[in-house]
Amino acid sequence: MHAAVEGEISEPPTIAPDGQSWLVTADAIGEWTGHDHAIAMRQAGQWLFATPATGMRVYDRASGQFAVFSSGWQKADAIVEPSGGLMVDSEARAAIGALLLALRASGLLPSA
């Protein structure tokens, strides 16, 4: 299964065709109250909810990146490329560190 969601929101969208899925945020309201962090799926005009398990991964179409579940949905932060100047070495080290964190957060590398 290759799960994909439309985005991450706290309440049902006003228009949601059958087949769409969304990540429910931690502060869910409306019809989604009590379903924090779930995957909300629209089927036959109703909302169905899947409770995520640690390690579950979905593609978020809105952000264009994967989200991994680990006590909440985690996405990698943007990595800043080093720029020229006297600080290149420390900037390069920071960029490599951020890249390693992103790879671990995405589940591509094991935790240190």
PDB file of N, CA and C in Angstrom:
ATOM      1  N   MET A   1       0.847  -1.173   0.000  1.00  0.00           N
ATOM      2  CA  MET A   1       0.000   0.000   0.000  1.00  0.00           C
ATOM      3  C   MET A   1       0.894   1.237   0.000  1.00  0.00           C
ATOM      4  N   HIS A   2       0.558   2.188  -0.792  1.00  0.00           N
ATOM      5  CA  HIS A   2       1.290   3.447  -0.866  1.00  0.00           C
ATOM      6  C   HIS A   2       0.311   4.563  -0.526  1.00  0.00           C
ATOM      7  N   ALA A   3       0.216   4.891   0.750  1.00  0.00           N
ATOM      8  CA  ALA A   3      -0.767   5.870   1.205  1.00  0.00           C
ATOM      9  C   ALA A   3      -0.345   7.287   0.861  1.00  0.00           C
ATOM     10  N   ALA A   4      -1.314   8.086   0.456  1.00  0.00           N
ATOM     11  CA  ALA A   4      -1.091   9.504   0.188  1.00  0.00           C
ATOM     12  C   ALA A   4      -2.253  10.280   0.789  1.00  0.00           C
ATOM     13  N   VAL A   5      -1.950  11.448   1.336  1.00  0.00           N
ATOM     14  CA  VAL A   5      -2.974  12.318   1.915  1.00  0.00           C
ATOM     15  C   VAL A   5      -2.924  13.667   1.223  1.00  0.00           C
ATOM     16  N   GLU A   6      -4.021  14.399   1.321  1.00  0.00           N
ATOM     17  CA  GLU A   6      -4.108  15.720   0.687  1.00  0.00           C
ATOM     18  C   GLU A   6      -3.337  16.776   1.473  1.00  0.00           C
ATOM     19  N   GLY A   7      -3.202  16.585   2.781  1.00  0.00           N
ATOM     20  CA  GLY A   7      -2.525  17.552   3.636  1.00  0.00           C
ATOM     21  C   GLY A   7      -2.805  17.234   5.094  1.00  0.00           C
ATOM     22  N   GLU A   8      -2.492  18.185   5.955  1.00  0.00           N
ATOM     23  CA  GLU A   8      -2.655  18.026   7.401  1.00  0.00           C
ATOM     24  C   GLU A   8      -3.483  19.194   7.920  1.00  0.00           C
ATOM     25  N   ILE A   9      -4.664  18.906   8.469  1.00  0.00           N
ATOM     26  CA  ILE A   9      -5.573  19.951   8.946  1.00  0.00           C
ATOM     27  C   ILE A   9      -6.270  19.511  10.233  1.00  0.00           C
ATOM     28  N   SER A  10      -6.925  20.456  10.906  1.00  0.00           N
ATOM     29  CA  SER A  10      -7.554  20.165  12.198  1.00  0.00           C
ATOM     30  C   SER A  10      -9.047  19.864  12.119  1.00  0.00           C
ATOM     31  N   GLU A  11      -9.682  20.213  11.005  1.00  0.00           N
ATOM     32  CA  GLU A  11     -11.114  19.954  10.866  1.00  0.00           C
ATOM     33  C   GLU A  11     -11.417  19.543   9.435  1.00  0.00           C
ATOM     34  N   PRO A  12     -12.540  18.863   9.223  1.00  0.00           N
ATOM     35  CA  PRO A  12     -12.862  18.397   7.873  1.00  0.00           C
ATOM     36  C   PRO A  12     -12.952  19.554   6.882  1.00  0.00           C
ATOM     37  N   PRO A  13     -12.446  19.348   5.665  1.00  0.00           N
ATOM     38  CA  PRO A  13     -12.609  20.391   4.650  1.00  0.00           C
ATOM     39  C   PRO A  13     -14.088  20.548   4.303  1.00  0.00           C
ATOM     40  N   THR A  14     -14.479  21.733   3.848  1.00  0.00           N
ATOM     41  CA  THR A  14     -15.889  21.963   3.512  1.00  0.00           C
ATOM     42  C   THR A  14     -16.329  21.108   2.329  1.00  0.00           C
ATOM     43  N   ILE A  15     -15.425  20.864   1.392  1.00  0.00           N
ATOM     44  CA  ILE A  15     -15.718  19.991   0.258  1.00  0.00           C
ATOM     45  C   ILE A  15     -14.659  18.890   0.253  1.00  0.00           C
ATOM     46  N   ALA A  16     -15.109  17.651   0.386  1.00  0.00           N
ATOM     47  CA  ALA A  16     -14.189  16.515   0.390  1.00  0.00           C
ATOM     48  C   ALA A  16     -14.817  15.371  -0.397  1.00  0.00           C
ATOM     49  N   PRO A  17     -14.364  15.174  -1.628  1.00  0.00           N
ATOM     50  CA  PRO A  17     -14.902  14.067  -2.410  1.00  0.00           C
ATOM     51  C   PRO A  17     -14.489  12.713  -1.827  1.00  0.00           C
ATOM     52  N   ASP A  18     -15.307  11.695  -2.063  1.00  0.00           N
ATOM     53  CA  ASP A  18     -14.940  10.350  -1.649  1.00  0.00           C
ATOM     54  C   ASP A  18     -13.569   9.998  -2.219  1.00  0.00           C
ATOM     55  N   GLY A  19     -12.782   9.301  -1.408  1.00  0.00           N
ATOM     56  CA  GLY A  19     -11.452   8.888  -1.832  1.00  0.00           C
ATOM     57  C   GLY A  19     -10.343   9.771  -1.294  1.00  0.00           C
ATOM     58  N   GLN A  20     -10.665  10.987  -0.834  1.00  0.00           N
ATOM     59  CA  GLN A  20      -9.629  11.847  -0.270  1.00  0.00           C
ATOM     60  C   GLN A  20      -9.303  11.427   1.156  1.00  0.00           C
ATOM     61  N   SER A  21      -8.039  11.598   1.532  1.00  0.00           N
ATOM     62  CA  SER A  21      -7.575  11.315   2.887  1.00  0.00           C
ATOM     63  C   SER A  21      -6.785  12.508   3.398  1.00  0.00           C
ATOM     64  N   TRP A  22      -6.823  12.701   4.720  1.00  0.00           N
ATOM     65  CA  TRP A  22      -6.141  13.824   5.359  1.00  0.00           C
ATOM     66  C   TRP A  22      -5.493  13.351   6.656  1.00  0.00           C
ATOM     67  N   LEU A  23      -4.393  14.006   7.058  1.00  0.00           N
ATOM     68  CA  LEU A  23      -3.824  13.793   8.382  1.00  0.00           C
ATOM     69  C   LEU A  23      -4.540  14.744   9.330  1.00  0.00           C
ATOM     70  N   VAL A  24      -5.018  14.216  10.447  1.00  0.00           N
ATOM     71  CA  VAL A  24      -5.711  15.029  11.440  1.00  0.00           C
ATOM     72  C   VAL A  24      -4.671  15.558  12.424  1.00  0.00           C
ATOM     73  N   THR A  25      -4.662  16.874  12.655  1.00  0.00           N
ATOM     74  CA  THR A  25      -3.690  17.470  13.570  1.00  0.00           C
ATOM     75  C   THR A  25      -4.034  17.156  15.022  1.00  0.00           C
ATOM     76  N   ALA A  26      -3.140  17.527  15.925  1.00  0.00           N
ATOM     77  CA  ALA A  26      -3.302  17.230  17.357  1.00  0.00           C
ATOM     78  C   ALA A  26      -4.423  18.024  18.010  1.00  0.00           C
ATOM     79  N   ASP A  27      -4.904  19.066  17.350  1.00  0.00           N
ATOM     80  CA  ASP A  27      -5.953  19.914  17.922  1.00  0.00           C
ATOM     81  C   ASP A  27      -7.248  19.789  17.124  1.00  0.00           C
ATOM     82  N   ALA A  28      -7.643  18.549  16.811  1.00  0.00           N
ATOM     83  CA  ALA A  28      -8.802  18.299  15.947  1.00  0.00           C
ATOM     84  C   ALA A  28     -10.085  18.881  16.531  1.00  0.00           C
ATOM     85  N   ILE A  29     -10.933  19.412  15.616  1.00  0.00           N
ATOM     86  CA  ILE A  29     -12.225  19.989  16.023  1.00  0.00           C
ATOM     87  C   ILE A  29     -13.325  19.482  15.088  1.00  0.00           C
ATOM     88  N   GLY A  30     -14.555  19.828  15.422  1.00  0.00           N
ATOM     89  CA  GLY A  30     -15.695  19.441  14.586  1.00  0.00           C
ATOM     90  C   GLY A  30     -15.870  17.935  14.560  1.00  0.00           C
ATOM     91  N   GLU A  31     -16.216  17.400  13.393  1.00  0.00           N
ATOM     92  CA  GLU A  31     -16.426  15.960  13.231  1.00  0.00           C
ATOM     93  C   GLU A  31     -15.180  15.144  13.554  1.00  0.00           C
ATOM     94  N   TRP A  32     -14.025  15.792  13.561  1.00  0.00           N
ATOM     95  CA  TRP A  32     -12.770  15.076  13.793  1.00  0.00           C
ATOM     96  C   TRP A  32     -12.331  15.097  15.256  1.00  0.00           C
ATOM     97  N   THR A  33     -13.094  15.731  16.145  1.00  0.00           N
ATOM     98  CA  THR A  33     -12.737  15.778  17.563  1.00  0.00           C
ATOM     99  C   THR A  33     -12.531  14.357  18.087  1.00  0.00           C
ATOM    100  N   GLY A  34     -11.436  14.156  18.809  1.00  0.00           N
ATOM    101  CA  GLY A  34     -11.128  12.845  19.362  1.00  0.00           C
ATOM    102  C   GLY A  34     -10.355  11.939  18.431  1.00  0.00           C
ATOM    103  N   HIS A  35     -10.016  12.430  17.248  1.00  0.00           N
ATOM    104  CA  HIS A  35      -9.273  11.629  16.265  1.00  0.00           C
ATOM    105  C   HIS A  35      -7.903  12.239  15.967  1.00  0.00           C
ATOM    106  N   ASP A  36      -7.296  12.887  16.980  1.00  0.00           N
ATOM    107  CA  ASP A  36      -5.984  13.507  16.797  1.00  0.00           C
ATOM    108  C   ASP A  36      -4.983  12.502  16.209  1.00  0.00           C
ATOM    109  N   HIS A  37      -4.218  12.937  15.223  1.00  0.00           N
ATOM    110  CA  HIS A  37      -3.142  12.184  14.557  1.00  0.00           C
ATOM    111  C   HIS A  37      -3.648  11.061  13.646  1.00  0.00           C
ATOM    112  N   ALA A  38      -4.948  10.854  13.559  1.00  0.00           N
ATOM    113  CA  ALA A  38      -5.481   9.781  12.706  1.00  0.00           C
ATOM    114  C   ALA A  38      -5.383  10.176  11.231  1.00  0.00           C
ATOM    115  N   ILE A  39      -5.593   9.209  10.388  1.00  0.00           N
ATOM    116  CA  ILE A  39      -5.770   9.472   8.957  1.00  0.00           C
ATOM    117  C   ILE A  39      -7.278   9.440   8.722  1.00  0.00           C
ATOM    118  N   ALA A  40      -7.827  10.562   8.280  1.00  0.00           N
ATOM    119  CA  ALA A  40      -9.259  10.675   8.003  1.00  0.00           C
ATOM    120  C   ALA A  40      -9.481  10.394   6.519  1.00  0.00           C
ATOM    121  N   MET A  41     -10.351   9.431   6.225  1.00  0.00           N
ATOM    122  CA  MET A  41     -10.617   9.030   4.846  1.00  0.00           C
ATOM    123  C   MET A  41     -12.090   9.236   4.535  1.00  0.00           C
ATOM    124  N   ARG A  42     -12.379   9.881   3.427  1.00  0.00           N
ATOM    125  CA  ARG A  42     -13.759  10.142   3.022  1.00  0.00           C
ATOM    126  C   ARG A  42     -14.236   8.993   2.144  1.00  0.00           C
ATOM    127  N   GLN A  43     -15.268   8.272   2.601  1.00  0.00           N
ATOM    128  CA  GLN A  43     -15.834   7.146   1.852  1.00  0.00           C
ATOM    129  C   GLN A  43     -17.343   7.152   2.004  1.00  0.00           C
ATOM    130  N   ALA A  44     -18.051   7.057   0.902  1.00  0.00           N
ATOM    131  CA  ALA A  44     -19.522   7.001   0.882  1.00  0.00           C
ATOM    132  C   ALA A  44     -20.137   8.149   1.677  1.00  0.00           C
ATOM    133  N   GLY A  45     -19.526   9.337   1.562  1.00  0.00           N
ATOM    134  CA  GLY A  45     -20.054  10.521   2.221  1.00  0.00           C
ATOM    135  C   GLY A  45     -19.813  10.570   3.718  1.00  0.00           C
ATOM    136  N   GLN A  46     -18.989   9.674   4.244  1.00  0.00           N
ATOM    137  CA  GLN A  46     -18.697   9.636   5.672  1.00  0.00           C
ATOM    138  C   GLN A  46     -17.188   9.672   5.896  1.00  0.00           C
ATOM    139  N   TRP A  47     -16.799  10.006   7.133  1.00  0.00           N
ATOM    140  CA  TRP A  47     -15.393   9.988   7.511  1.00  0.00           C
ATOM    141  C   TRP A  47     -15.083   8.679   8.220  1.00  0.00           C
ATOM    142  N   LEU A  48     -14.053   8.000   7.749  1.00  0.00           N
ATOM    143  CA  LEU A  48     -13.508   6.813   8.403  1.00  0.00           C
ATOM    144  C   LEU A  48     -12.125   7.196   8.925  1.00  0.00           C
ATOM    145  N   PHE A  49     -11.721   6.632  10.051  1.00  0.00           N
ATOM    146  CA  PHE A  49     -10.452   7.014  10.664  1.00  0.00           C
ATOM    147  C   PHE A  49      -9.559   5.798  10.857  1.00  0.00           C
ATOM    148  N   ALA A  50      -8.295   5.950  10.491  1.00  0.00           N
ATOM    149  CA  ALA A  50      -7.291   4.911  10.723  1.00  0.00           C
ATOM    150  C   ALA A  50      -6.317   5.442  11.764  1.00  0.00           C
ATOM    151  N   THR A  51      -6.106   4.664  12.817  1.00  0.00           N
ATOM    152  CA  THR A  51      -5.154   5.041  13.854  1.00  0.00           C
ATOM    153  C   THR A  51      -3.762   4.634  13.385  1.00  0.00           C
ATOM    154  N   PRO A  52      -2.822   5.582  13.314  1.00  0.00           N
ATOM    155  CA  PRO A  52      -1.489   5.248  12.815  1.00  0.00           C
ATOM    156  C   PRO A  52      -0.672   4.459  13.839  1.00  0.00           C
ATOM    157  N   ALA A  53       0.235   3.648  13.343  1.00  0.00           N
ATOM    158  CA  ALA A  53       1.178   2.909  14.174  1.00  0.00           C
ATOM    159  C   ALA A  53       2.566   3.501  13.965  1.00  0.00           C
ATOM    160  N   THR A  54       3.407   3.369  14.962  1.00  0.00           N
ATOM    161  CA  THR A  54       4.773   3.879  14.859  1.00  0.00           C
ATOM    162  C   THR A  54       5.448   3.295  13.617  1.00  0.00           C
ATOM    163  N   GLY A  55       6.047   4.172  12.826  1.00  0.00           N
ATOM    164  CA  GLY A  55       6.729   3.761  11.601  1.00  0.00           C
ATOM    165  C   GLY A  55       5.881   3.886  10.348  1.00  0.00           C
ATOM    166  N   MET A  56       4.562   4.114  10.490  1.00  0.00           N
ATOM    167  CA  MET A  56       3.694   4.284   9.318  1.00  0.00           C
ATOM    168  C   MET A  56       4.146   5.524   8.552  1.00  0.00           C
ATOM    169  N   ARG A  57       4.122   5.435   7.234  1.00  0.00           N
ATOM    170  CA  ARG A  57       4.573   6.547   6.398  1.00  0.00           C
ATOM    171  C   ARG A  57       3.534   6.841   5.332  1.00  0.00           C
ATOM    172  N   VAL A  58       3.271   8.141   5.115  1.00  0.00           N
ATOM    173  CA  VAL A  58       2.349   8.577   4.068  1.00  0.00           C
ATOM    174  C   VAL A  58       3.001   9.711   3.282  1.00  0.00           C
ATOM    175  N   TYR A  59       2.550   9.881   2.057  1.00  0.00           N
ATOM    176  CA  TYR A  59       3.015  11.005   1.240  1.00  0.00           C
ATOM    177  C   TYR A  59       2.010  12.142   1.374  1.00  0.00           C
ATOM    178  N   ASP A  60       2.482  13.309   1.785  1.00  0.00           N
ATOM    179  CA  ASP A  60       1.639  14.497   1.947  1.00  0.00           C
ATOM    180  C   ASP A  60       1.722  15.319   0.664  1.00  0.00           C
ATOM    181  N   ARG A  61       0.642  15.315  -0.108  1.00  0.00           N
ATOM    182  CA  ARG A  61       0.635  16.027  -1.395  1.00  0.00           C
ATOM    183  C   ARG A  61       0.815  17.536  -1.226  1.00  0.00           C
ATOM    184  N   ALA A  62       0.283  18.099  -0.135  1.00  0.00           N
ATOM    185  CA  ALA A  62       0.365  19.553   0.072  1.00  0.00           C
ATOM    186  C   ALA A  62       1.807  20.008   0.296  1.00  0.00           C
ATOM    187  N   SER A  63       2.566  19.245   1.068  1.00  0.00           N
ATOM    188  CA  SER A  63       3.950  19.643   1.358  1.00  0.00           C
ATOM    189  C   SER A  63       4.939  19.034   0.372  1.00  0.00           C
ATOM    190  N   GLY A  64       4.511  18.004  -0.361  1.00  0.00           N
ATOM    191  CA  GLY A  64       5.398  17.352  -1.318  1.00  0.00           C
ATOM    192  C   GLY A  64       6.468  16.509  -0.649  1.00  0.00           C
ATOM    193  N   GLN A  65       6.181  15.999   0.556  1.00  0.00           N
ATOM    194  CA  GLN A  65       7.160  15.170   1.251  1.00  0.00           C
ATOM    195  C   GLN A  65       6.458  14.084   2.063  1.00  0.00           C
ATOM    196  N   PHE A  66       7.244  13.127   2.513  1.00  0.00           N
ATOM    197  CA  PHE A  66       6.711  12.050   3.330  1.00  0.00           C
ATOM    198  C   PHE A  66       6.605  12.476   4.785  1.00  0.00           C
ATOM    199  N   ALA A  67       5.626  11.910   5.478  1.00  0.00           N
ATOM    200  CA  ALA A  67       5.476  12.088   6.921  1.00  0.00           C
ATOM    201  C   ALA A  67       5.542  10.698   7.541  1.00  0.00           C
ATOM    202  N   VAL A  68       6.268  10.586   8.644  1.00  0.00           N
ATOM    203  CA  VAL A  68       6.418   9.322   9.366  1.00  0.00           C
ATOM    204  C   VAL A  68       5.791   9.486  10.737  1.00  0.00           C
ATOM    205  N   PHE A  69       5.044   8.470  11.194  1.00  0.00           N
ATOM    206  CA  PHE A  69       4.400   8.572  12.495  1.00  0.00           C
ATOM    207  C   PHE A  69       5.310   8.042  13.593  1.00  0.00           C
ATOM    208  N   SER A  70       5.534   8.883  14.596  1.00  0.00           N
ATOM    209  CA  SER A  70       6.285   8.526  15.796  1.00  0.00           C
ATOM    210  C   SER A  70       5.835   9.481  16.892  1.00  0.00           C
ATOM    211  N   SER A  71       4.793   9.112  17.625  1.00  0.00           N
ATOM    212  CA  SER A  71       4.174   9.994  18.637  1.00  0.00           C
ATOM    213  C   SER A  71       3.672  11.280  17.994  1.00  0.00           C
ATOM    214  N   GLY A  72       3.229  11.216  16.779  1.00  0.00           N
ATOM    215  CA  GLY A  72       2.776  12.356  15.984  1.00  0.00           C
ATOM    216  C   GLY A  72       3.412  12.251  14.609  1.00  0.00           C
ATOM    217  N   TRP A  73       2.888  12.994  13.656  1.00  0.00           N
ATOM    218  CA  TRP A  73       3.417  12.964  12.294  1.00  0.00           C
ATOM    219  C   TRP A  73       4.645  13.839  12.206  1.00  0.00           C
ATOM    220  N   GLN A  74       5.762  13.286  11.735  1.00  0.00           N
ATOM    221  CA  GLN A  74       7.045  13.982  11.640  1.00  0.00           C
ATOM    222  C   GLN A  74       7.409  14.169  10.170  1.00  0.00           C
ATOM    223  N   LYS A  75       7.874  15.371   9.853  1.00  0.00           N
ATOM    224  CA  LYS A  75       8.386  15.653   8.503  1.00  0.00           C
ATOM    225  C   LYS A  75       9.773  16.265   8.656  1.00  0.00           C
ATOM    226  N   ALA A  76      10.625  15.992   7.709  1.00  0.00           N
ATOM    227  CA  ALA A  76      11.979  16.540   7.743  1.00  0.00           C
ATOM    228  C   ALA A  76      11.937  18.049   7.530  1.00  0.00           C
ATOM    229  N   ASP A  77      12.791  18.769   8.253  1.00  0.00           N
ATOM    230  CA  ASP A  77      12.920  20.212   8.072  1.00  0.00           C
ATOM    231  C   ASP A  77      13.747  20.494   6.818  1.00  0.00           C
ATOM    232  N   ALA A  78      13.559  21.661   6.247  1.00  0.00           N
ATOM    233  CA  ALA A  78      14.361  22.073   5.095  1.00  0.00           C
ATOM    234  C   ALA A  78      15.820  22.198   5.521  1.00  0.00           C
ATOM    235  N   ILE A  79      16.721  21.853   4.640  1.00  0.00           N
ATOM    236  CA  ILE A  79      18.153  21.920   4.926  1.00  0.00           C
ATOM    237  C   ILE A  79      18.746  23.114   4.192  1.00  0.00           C
ATOM    238  N   VAL A  80      19.452  23.960   4.939  1.00  0.00           N
ATOM    239  CA  VAL A  80      20.062  25.157   4.366  1.00  0.00           C
ATOM    240  C   VAL A  80      21.422  24.784   3.787  1.00  0.00           C
ATOM    241  N   GLU A  81      21.647  25.138   2.524  1.00  0.00           N
ATOM    242  CA  GLU A  81      22.939  24.864   1.893  1.00  0.00           C
ATOM    243  C   GLU A  81      23.977  25.851   2.391  1.00  0.00           C
ATOM    244  N   PRO A  82      25.235  25.403   2.580  1.00  0.00           N
ATOM    245  CA  PRO A  82      26.279  26.328   3.007  1.00  0.00           C
ATOM    246  C   PRO A  82      26.535  27.371   1.931  1.00  0.00           C
ATOM    247  N   SER A  83      26.868  28.574   2.363  1.00  0.00           N
ATOM    248  CA  SER A  83      27.208  29.632   1.412  1.00  0.00           C
ATOM    249  C   SER A  83      28.701  29.939   1.552  1.00  0.00           C
ATOM    250  N   GLY A  84      29.227  30.762   0.683  1.00  0.00           N
ATOM    251  CA  GLY A  84      30.655  31.090   0.705  1.00  0.00           C
ATOM    252  C   GLY A  84      31.040  31.931   1.907  1.00  0.00           C
ATOM    253  N   GLY A  85      32.313  32.232   2.025  1.00  0.00           N
ATOM    254  CA  GLY A  85      32.781  33.092   3.110  1.00  0.00           C
ATOM    255  C   GLY A  85      33.653  32.343   4.093  1.00  0.00           C
ATOM    256  N   LEU A  86      33.935  32.979   5.213  1.00  0.00           N
ATOM    257  CA  LEU A  86      34.834  32.423   6.210  1.00  0.00           C
ATOM    258  C   LEU A  86      34.211  31.281   7.011  1.00  0.00           C
ATOM    259  N   MET A  87      32.918  31.157   6.983  1.00  0.00           N
ATOM    260  CA  MET A  87      32.218  30.176   7.813  1.00  0.00           C
ATOM    261  C   MET A  87      31.860  28.898   7.058  1.00  0.00           C
ATOM    262  N   VAL A  88      32.483  28.663   5.899  1.00  0.00           N
ATOM    263  CA  VAL A  88      32.091  27.527   5.071  1.00  0.00           C
ATOM    264  C   VAL A  88      32.186  26.211   5.834  1.00  0.00           C
ATOM    265  N   ASP A  89      33.274  25.976   6.570  1.00  0.00           N
ATOM    266  CA  ASP A  89      33.439  24.707   7.266  1.00  0.00           C
ATOM    267  C   ASP A  89      32.331  24.486   8.294  1.00  0.00           C
ATOM    268  N   SER A  90      32.047  25.478   9.126  1.00  0.00           N
ATOM    269  CA  SER A  90      31.008  25.290  10.141  1.00  0.00           C
ATOM    270  C   SER A  90      29.626  25.206   9.498  1.00  0.00           C
ATOM    271  N   GLU A  91      29.391  25.948   8.416  1.00  0.00           N
ATOM    272  CA  GLU A  91      28.116  25.858   7.713  1.00  0.00           C
ATOM    273  C   GLU A  91      27.954  24.492   7.059  1.00  0.00           C
ATOM    274  N   ALA A  92      29.040  23.974   6.499  1.00  0.00           N
ATOM    275  CA  ALA A  92      28.983  22.650   5.873  1.00  0.00           C
ATOM    276  C   ALA A  92      28.695  21.588   6.924  1.00  0.00           C
ATOM    277  N   ARG A  93      29.325  21.701   8.077  1.00  0.00           N
ATOM    278  CA  ARG A  93      29.073  20.733   9.157  1.00  0.00           C
ATOM    279  C   ARG A  93      27.612  20.813   9.610  1.00  0.00           C
ATOM    280  N   ALA A  94      27.079  22.027   9.729  1.00  0.00           N
ATOM    281  CA  ALA A  94      25.682  22.197  10.134  1.00  0.00           C
ATOM    282  C   ALA A  94      24.744  21.603   9.085  1.00  0.00           C
ATOM    283  N   ALA A  95      25.056  21.807   7.801  1.00  0.00           N
ATOM    284  CA  ALA A  95      24.222  21.271   6.722  1.00  0.00           C
ATOM    285  C   ALA A  95      24.259  19.744   6.721  1.00  0.00           C
ATOM    286  N   ILE A  96      25.433  19.164   6.944  1.00  0.00           N
ATOM    287  CA  ILE A  96      25.547  17.703   6.995  1.00  0.00           C
ATOM    288  C   ILE A  96      24.772  17.161   8.194  1.00  0.00           C
ATOM    289  N   GLY A  97      24.874  17.844   9.339  1.00  0.00           N
ATOM    290  CA  GLY A  97      24.122  17.439  10.524  1.00  0.00           C
ATOM    291  C   GLY A  97      22.621  17.486  10.281  1.00  0.00           C
ATOM    292  N   ALA A  98      22.156  18.553   9.619  1.00  0.00           N
ATOM    293  CA  ALA A  98      20.730  18.678   9.310  1.00  0.00           C
ATOM    294  C   ALA A  98      20.286  17.588   8.342  1.00  0.00           C
ATOM    295  N   LEU A  99      21.140  17.260   7.389  1.00  0.00           N
ATOM    296  CA  LEU A  99      20.826  16.195   6.432  1.00  0.00           C
ATOM    297  C   LEU A  99      20.702  14.852   7.145  1.00  0.00           C
ATOM    298  N   LEU A 100      21.616  14.575   8.061  1.00  0.00           N
ATOM    299  CA  LEU A 100      21.528  13.339   8.830  1.00  0.00           C
ATOM    300  C   LEU A 100      20.259  13.288   9.668  1.00  0.00           C
ATOM    301  N   LEU A 101      19.900  14.401  10.306  1.00  0.00           N
ATOM    302  CA  LEU A 101      18.658  14.448  11.083  1.00  0.00           C
ATOM    303  C   LEU A 101      17.445  14.183  10.197  1.00  0.00           C
ATOM    304  N   ALA A 102      17.424  14.783   9.007  1.00  0.00           N
ATOM    305  CA  ALA A 102      16.302  14.601   8.086  1.00  0.00           C
ATOM    306  C   ALA A 102      16.204  13.147   7.623  1.00  0.00           C
ATOM    307  N   LEU A 103      17.336  12.537   7.333  1.00  0.00           N
ATOM    308  CA  LEU A 103      17.332  11.144   6.898  1.00  0.00           C
ATOM    309  C   LEU A 103      16.869  10.214   8.016  1.00  0.00           C
ATOM    310  N   ARG A 104      17.239  10.524   9.260  1.00  0.00           N
ATOM    311  CA  ARG A 104      16.779   9.720  10.397  1.00  0.00           C
ATOM    312  C   ARG A 104      15.286   9.929  10.631  1.00  0.00           C
ATOM    313  N   ALA A 105      14.827  11.185  10.529  1.00  0.00           N
ATOM    314  CA  ALA A 105      13.407  11.486  10.736  1.00  0.00           C
ATOM    315  C   ALA A 105      12.532  10.808   9.688  1.00  0.00           C
ATOM    316  N   SER A 106      13.040  10.669   8.478  1.00  0.00           N
ATOM    317  CA  SER A 106      12.270  10.037   7.404  1.00  0.00           C
ATOM    318  C   SER A 106      12.324   8.517   7.465  1.00  0.00           C
ATOM    319  N   GLY A 107      13.167   7.995   8.364  1.00  0.00           N
ATOM    320  CA  GLY A 107      13.280   6.547   8.498  1.00  0.00           C
ATOM    321  C   GLY A 107      14.260   5.927   7.525  1.00  0.00           C
ATOM    322  N   LEU A 108      14.988   6.742   6.759  1.00  0.00           N
ATOM    323  CA  LEU A 108      15.954   6.213   5.816  1.00  0.00           C
ATOM    324  C   LEU A 108      17.252   5.790   6.489  1.00  0.00           C
ATOM    325  N   LEU A 109      17.568   6.395   7.637  1.00  0.00           N
ATOM    326  CA  LEU A 109      18.736   6.017   8.441  1.00  0.00           C
ATOM    327  C   LEU A 109      18.266   5.670   9.842  1.00  0.00           C
ATOM    328  N   PRO A 110      18.925   4.727  10.496  1.00  0.00           N
ATOM    329  CA  PRO A 110      18.535   4.421  11.873  1.00  0.00           C
ATOM    330  C   PRO A 110      18.917   5.561  12.808  1.00  0.00           C
ATOM    331  N   SER A 111      18.257   5.629  13.959  1.00  0.00           N
ATOM    332  CA  SER A 111      18.579   6.648  14.949  1.00  0.00           C
ATOM    333  C   SER A 111      19.990   6.430  15.459  1.00  0.00           C
ATOM    334  N   ALA A 112      20.649   7.536  15.787  1.00  0.00           N
ATOM    335  CA  ALA A 112      22.037   7.448  16.263  1.00  0.00           C
ATOM    336  C   ALA A 112      22.089   6.907  17.666  1.00  0.00           C
TER     337      ALA A 112
END
